[in-house]
Amino acid sequence: MKLNMKLRNETKSCYRFERRSEQGDLITLYLKKKDVHDAGIDPRKGITVTIEEADHDDN
């Protein structure tokens, strides 16, 4: 599953990305500014999050 998220705002130390589904469900993700910058990502362009099932069972 891939989710495209837009920059909503920023705090002192984080960027807040959001996505609203067609059904109105809201997903919010906070990422540390340092991690975003270290990855070479321009937060104003938004992000794409990939979600996959884990390969292992950590019960």
PDB file of N, CA and C in Angstrom:
ATOM      1  N   MET A   1       0.856  -1.161   0.000  1.00  0.00           N
ATOM      2  CA  MET A   1       0.000   0.000   0.000  1.00  0.00           C
ATOM      3  C   MET A   1       0.906   1.230   0.000  1.00  0.00           C
ATOM      4  N   LYS A   2       0.572   2.197  -0.810  1.00  0.00           N
ATOM      5  CA  LYS A   2       1.318   3.455  -0.846  1.00  0.00           C
ATOM      6  C   LYS A   2       0.381   4.602  -0.517  1.00  0.00           C
ATOM      7  N   LEU A   3       0.843   5.501   0.350  1.00  0.00           N
ATOM      8  CA  LEU A   3       0.068   6.667   0.741  1.00  0.00           C
ATOM      9  C   LEU A   3       0.851   7.929   0.402  1.00  0.00           C
ATOM     10  N   ASN A   4       0.251   8.806  -0.349  1.00  0.00           N
ATOM     11  CA  ASN A   4       0.852  10.105  -0.622  1.00  0.00           C
ATOM     12  C   ASN A   4       0.367  11.078   0.444  1.00  0.00           C
ATOM     13  N   MET A   5       1.308  11.777   1.062  1.00  0.00           N
ATOM     14  CA  MET A   5       0.973  12.674   2.162  1.00  0.00           C
ATOM     15  C   MET A   5       1.541  14.058   1.883  1.00  0.00           C
ATOM     16  N   LYS A   6       0.793  15.069   2.303  1.00  0.00           N
ATOM     17  CA  LYS A   6       1.195  16.457   2.107  1.00  0.00           C
ATOM     18  C   LYS A   6       1.669  17.052   3.428  1.00  0.00           C
ATOM     19  N   LEU A   7       2.591  17.984   3.329  1.00  0.00           N
ATOM     20  CA  LEU A   7       3.049  18.699   4.511  1.00  0.00           C
ATOM     21  C   LEU A   7       1.911  19.555   5.039  1.00  0.00           C
ATOM     22  N   ARG A   8       1.572  19.362   6.293  1.00  0.00           N
ATOM     23  CA  ARG A   8       0.494  20.137   6.919  1.00  0.00           C
ATOM     24  C   ARG A   8       1.074  21.346   7.646  1.00  0.00           C
ATOM     25  N   ASN A   9       2.062  21.100   8.496  1.00  0.00           N
ATOM     26  CA  ASN A   9       2.751  22.181   9.194  1.00  0.00           C
ATOM     27  C   ASN A   9       4.025  21.631   9.821  1.00  0.00           C
ATOM     28  N   GLU A  10       4.723  22.475  10.531  1.00  0.00           N
ATOM     29  CA  GLU A  10       5.931  22.024  11.205  1.00  0.00           C
ATOM     30  C   GLU A  10       5.959  22.564  12.628  1.00  0.00           C
ATOM     31  N   THR A  11       6.569  21.776  13.501  1.00  0.00           N
ATOM     32  CA  THR A  11       6.784  22.190  14.875  1.00  0.00           C
ATOM     33  C   THR A  11       8.250  22.576  15.001  1.00  0.00           C
ATOM     34  N   LYS A  12       8.694  22.796  16.205  1.00  0.00           N
ATOM     35  CA  LYS A  12      10.092  23.166  16.418  1.00  0.00           C
ATOM     36  C   LYS A  12      11.038  22.070  15.919  1.00  0.00           C
ATOM     37  N   SER A  13      10.652  20.795  16.103  1.00  0.00           N
ATOM     38  CA  SER A  13      11.561  19.703  15.767  1.00  0.00           C
ATOM     39  C   SER A  13      11.009  18.708  14.740  1.00  0.00           C
ATOM     40  N   CYS A  14       9.734  18.853  14.334  1.00  0.00           N
ATOM     41  CA  CYS A  14       9.107  17.859  13.451  1.00  0.00           C
ATOM     42  C   CYS A  14       8.364  18.505  12.291  1.00  0.00           C
ATOM     43  N   TYR A  15       8.191  17.687  11.233  1.00  0.00           N
ATOM     44  CA  TYR A  15       7.263  18.017  10.160  1.00  0.00           C
ATOM     45  C   TYR A  15       6.031  17.148  10.354  1.00  0.00           C
ATOM     46  N   ARG A  16       4.865  17.716  10.122  1.00  0.00           N
ATOM     47  CA  ARG A  16       3.607  16.971  10.236  1.00  0.00           C
ATOM     48  C   ARG A  16       3.024  16.800   8.848  1.00  0.00           C
ATOM     49  N   PHE A  17       2.897  15.540   8.424  1.00  0.00           N
ATOM     50  CA  PHE A  17       2.329  15.205   7.126  1.00  0.00           C
ATOM     51  C   PHE A  17       0.945  14.605   7.340  1.00  0.00           C
ATOM     52  N   GLU A  18       0.018  14.909   6.425  1.00  0.00           N
ATOM     53  CA  GLU A  18      -1.343  14.400   6.550  1.00  0.00           C
ATOM     54  C   GLU A  18      -1.865  13.885   5.219  1.00  0.00           C
ATOM     55  N   ARG A  19      -2.836  12.983   5.355  1.00  0.00           N
ATOM     56  CA  ARG A  19      -3.563  12.464   4.195  1.00  0.00           C
ATOM     57  C   ARG A  19      -4.997  12.207   4.636  1.00  0.00           C
ATOM     58  N   ARG A  20      -5.947  12.665   3.861  1.00  0.00           N
ATOM     59  CA  ARG A  20      -7.357  12.396   4.137  1.00  0.00           C
ATOM     60  C   ARG A  20      -7.891  11.503   3.018  1.00  0.00           C
ATOM     61  N   SER A  21      -8.473  10.374   3.419  1.00  0.00           N
ATOM     62  CA  SER A  21      -8.995   9.426   2.427  1.00  0.00           C
ATOM     63  C   SER A  21     -10.308   9.960   1.840  1.00  0.00           C
ATOM     64  N   GLU A  22     -10.767   9.290   0.811  1.00  0.00           N
ATOM     65  CA  GLU A  22     -12.036   9.667   0.182  1.00  0.00           C
ATOM     66  C   GLU A  22     -13.201   9.515   1.155  1.00  0.00           C
ATOM     67  N   GLN A  23     -13.060   8.631   2.144  1.00  0.00           N
ATOM     68  CA  GLN A  23     -14.100   8.427   3.155  1.00  0.00           C
ATOM     69  C   GLN A  23     -13.998   9.440   4.295  1.00  0.00           C
ATOM     70  N   GLY A  24     -12.977  10.283   4.264  1.00  0.00           N
ATOM     71  CA  GLY A  24     -12.810  11.303   5.292  1.00  0.00           C
ATOM     72  C   GLY A  24     -11.886  10.906   6.433  1.00  0.00           C
ATOM     73  N   ASP A  25     -11.300   9.707   6.360  1.00  0.00           N
ATOM     74  CA  ASP A  25     -10.376   9.268   7.407  1.00  0.00           C
ATOM     75  C   ASP A  25      -9.071  10.056   7.308  1.00  0.00           C
ATOM     76  N   LEU A  26      -8.557  10.461   8.451  1.00  0.00           N
ATOM     77  CA  LEU A  26      -7.339  11.267   8.501  1.00  0.00           C
ATOM     78  C   LEU A  26      -6.184  10.442   9.024  1.00  0.00           C
ATOM     79  N   ILE A  27      -5.047  10.500   8.333  1.00  0.00           N
ATOM     80  CA  ILE A  27      -3.810   9.863   8.778  1.00  0.00           C
ATOM     81  C   ILE A  27      -2.783  10.971   8.960  1.00  0.00           C
ATOM     82  N   THR A  28      -2.127  10.989  10.106  1.00  0.00           N
ATOM     83  CA  THR A  28      -1.113  11.991  10.413  1.00  0.00           C
ATOM     84  C   THR A  28       0.189  11.295  10.757  1.00  0.00           C
ATOM     85  N   LEU A  29       1.295  11.813  10.245  1.00  0.00           N
ATOM     86  CA  LEU A  29       2.615  11.254  10.520  1.00  0.00           C
ATOM     87  C   LEU A  29       3.562  12.389  10.868  1.00  0.00           C
ATOM     88  N   TYR A  30       4.210  12.279  12.012  1.00  0.00           N
ATOM     89  CA  TYR A  30       5.221  13.243  12.433  1.00  0.00           C
ATOM     90  C   TYR A  30       6.595  12.642  12.179  1.00  0.00           C
ATOM     91  N   LEU A  31       7.454  13.390  11.504  1.00  0.00           N
ATOM     92  CA  LEU A  31       8.829  12.961  11.264  1.00  0.00           C
ATOM     93  C   LEU A  31       9.778  14.034  11.760  1.00  0.00           C
ATOM     94  N   LYS A  32      10.858  13.611  12.399  1.00  0.00           N
ATOM     95  CA  LYS A  32      11.863  14.549  12.894  1.00  0.00           C
ATOM     96  C   LYS A  32      12.487  15.296  11.708  1.00  0.00           C
ATOM     97  N   LYS A  33      12.657  16.594  11.878  1.00  0.00           N
ATOM     98  CA  LYS A  33      13.243  17.415  10.811  1.00  0.00           C
ATOM     99  C   LYS A  33      14.619  16.905  10.409  1.00  0.00           C
ATOM    100  N   LYS A  34      15.417  16.523  11.399  1.00  0.00           N
ATOM    101  CA  LYS A  34      16.775  16.035  11.105  1.00  0.00           C
ATOM    102  C   LYS A  34      16.725  14.809  10.199  1.00  0.00           C
ATOM    103  N   ASP A  35      15.811  13.863  10.481  1.00  0.00           N
ATOM    104  CA  ASP A  35      15.709  12.652   9.664  1.00  0.00           C
ATOM    105  C   ASP A  35      15.278  12.982   8.239  1.00  0.00           C
ATOM    106  N   VAL A  36      14.337  13.908   8.095  1.00  0.00           N
ATOM    107  CA  VAL A  36      13.865  14.311   6.766  1.00  0.00           C
ATOM    108  C   VAL A  36      15.002  14.977   5.987  1.00  0.00           C
ATOM    109  N   HIS A  37      15.726  15.873   6.635  1.00  0.00           N
ATOM    110  CA  HIS A  37      16.827  16.573   5.968  1.00  0.00           C
ATOM    111  C   HIS A  37      17.962  15.613   5.637  1.00  0.00           C
ATOM    112  N   ASP A  38      18.301  14.699   6.572  1.00  0.00           N
ATOM    113  CA  ASP A  38      19.369  13.726   6.331  1.00  0.00           C
ATOM    114  C   ASP A  38      19.055  12.817   5.147  1.00  0.00           C
ATOM    115  N   ALA A  39      17.760  12.571   4.897  1.00  0.00           N
ATOM    116  CA  ALA A  39      17.345  11.728   3.770  1.00  0.00           C
ATOM    117  C   ALA A  39      17.284  12.505   2.457  1.00  0.00           C
ATOM    118  N   GLY A  40      17.525  13.822   2.513  1.00  0.00           N
ATOM    119  CA  GLY A  40      17.504  14.638   1.302  1.00  0.00           C
ATOM    120  C   GLY A  40      16.099  14.905   0.783  1.00  0.00           C
ATOM    121  N   ILE A  41      15.100  14.866   1.657  1.00  0.00           N
ATOM    122  CA  ILE A  41      13.705  15.057   1.262  1.00  0.00           C
ATOM    123  C   ILE A  41      13.305  16.516   1.442  1.00  0.00           C
ATOM    124  N   ASP A  42      12.659  17.072   0.424  1.00  0.00           N
ATOM    125  CA  ASP A  42      12.091  18.418   0.514  1.00  0.00           C
ATOM    126  C   ASP A  42      10.658  18.253   1.025  1.00  0.00           C
ATOM    127  N   PRO A  43      10.383  18.590   2.276  1.00  0.00           N
ATOM    128  CA  PRO A  43       9.057  18.338   2.844  1.00  0.00           C
ATOM    129  C   PRO A  43       7.941  19.083   2.124  1.00  0.00           C
ATOM    130  N   ARG A  44       8.247  20.197   1.470  1.00  0.00           N
ATOM    131  CA  ARG A  44       7.217  20.957   0.751  1.00  0.00           C
ATOM    132  C   ARG A  44       6.660  20.186  -0.432  1.00  0.00           C
ATOM    133  N   LYS A  45       7.414  19.200  -0.933  1.00  0.00           N
ATOM    134  CA  LYS A  45       6.950  18.380  -2.059  1.00  0.00           C
ATOM    135  C   LYS A  45       6.054  17.241  -1.593  1.00  0.00           C
ATOM    136  N   GLY A  46       5.984  17.004  -0.270  1.00  0.00           N
ATOM    137  CA  GLY A  46       5.213  15.893   0.257  1.00  0.00           C
ATOM    138  C   GLY A  46       6.046  14.627   0.298  1.00  0.00           C
ATOM    139  N   ILE A  47       5.424  13.556   0.793  1.00  0.00           N
ATOM    140  CA  ILE A  47       6.118  12.275   0.910  1.00  0.00           C
ATOM    141  C   ILE A  47       5.203  11.157   0.439  1.00  0.00           C
ATOM    142  N   THR A  48       5.806  10.015   0.110  1.00  0.00           N
ATOM    143  CA  THR A  48       5.073   8.795  -0.179  1.00  0.00           C
ATOM    144  C   THR A  48       5.511   7.753   0.834  1.00  0.00           C
ATOM    145  N   VAL A  49       4.551   7.179   1.530  1.00  0.00           N
ATOM    146  CA  VAL A  49       4.806   6.169   2.555  1.00  0.00           C
ATOM    147  C   VAL A  49       4.382   4.818   1.997  1.00  0.00           C
ATOM    148  N   THR A  50       5.275   3.833   2.077  1.00  0.00           N
ATOM    149  CA  THR A  50       4.968   2.480   1.640  1.00  0.00           C
ATOM    150  C   THR A  50       4.756   1.610   2.869  1.00  0.00           C
ATOM    151  N   ILE A  51       3.643   0.883   2.895  1.00  0.00           N
ATOM    152  CA  ILE A  51       3.309   0.019   4.024  1.00  0.00           C
ATOM    153  C   ILE A  51       3.214  -1.410   3.519  1.00  0.00           C
ATOM    154  N   GLU A  52       3.967  -2.297   4.176  1.00  0.00           N
ATOM    155  CA  GLU A  52       3.967  -3.707   3.809  1.00  0.00           C
ATOM    156  C   GLU A  52       3.812  -4.557   5.064  1.00  0.00           C
ATOM    157  N   GLU A  53       3.312  -5.740   4.889  1.00  0.00           N
ATOM    158  CA  GLU A  53       3.201  -6.686   5.989  1.00  0.00           C
ATOM    159  C   GLU A  53       4.597  -7.126   6.412  1.00  0.00           C
ATOM    160  N   ALA A  54       4.802  -7.282   7.715  1.00  0.00           N
ATOM    161  CA  ALA A  54       6.103  -7.711   8.229  1.00  0.00           C
ATOM    162  C   ALA A  54       6.396  -9.152   7.787  1.00  0.00           C
ATOM    163  N   ASP A  55       7.688  -9.445   7.592  1.00  0.00           N
ATOM    164  CA  ASP A  55       8.118 -10.787   7.205  1.00  0.00           C
ATOM    165  C   ASP A  55       8.220 -11.738   8.386  1.00  0.00           C
ATOM    166  N   HIS A  56       8.044 -11.228   9.596  1.00  0.00           N
ATOM    167  CA  HIS A  56       8.237 -12.040  10.795  1.00  0.00           C
ATOM    168  C   HIS A  56       7.104 -11.805  11.795  1.00  0.00           C
ATOM    169  N   ASP A  57       7.025 -12.667  12.776  1.00  0.00           N
ATOM    170  CA  ASP A  57       6.004 -12.577  13.810  1.00  0.00           C
ATOM    171  C   ASP A  57       6.671 -12.283  15.135  1.00  0.00           C
ATOM    172  N   ASP A  58       6.459 -11.064  15.671  1.00  0.00           N
ATOM    173  CA  ASP A  58       7.108 -10.641  16.920  1.00  0.00           C
ATOM    174  C   ASP A  58       6.154 -10.689  18.099  1.00  0.00           C
ATOM    175  N   ASN A  59       5.498 -11.794  18.330  1.00  0.00           N
ATOM    176  CA  ASN A  59       4.563 -11.892  19.471  1.00  0.00           C
ATOM    177  C   ASN A  59       5.298 -11.844  20.729  1.00  0.00           C
TER     178      ASN A  59
END
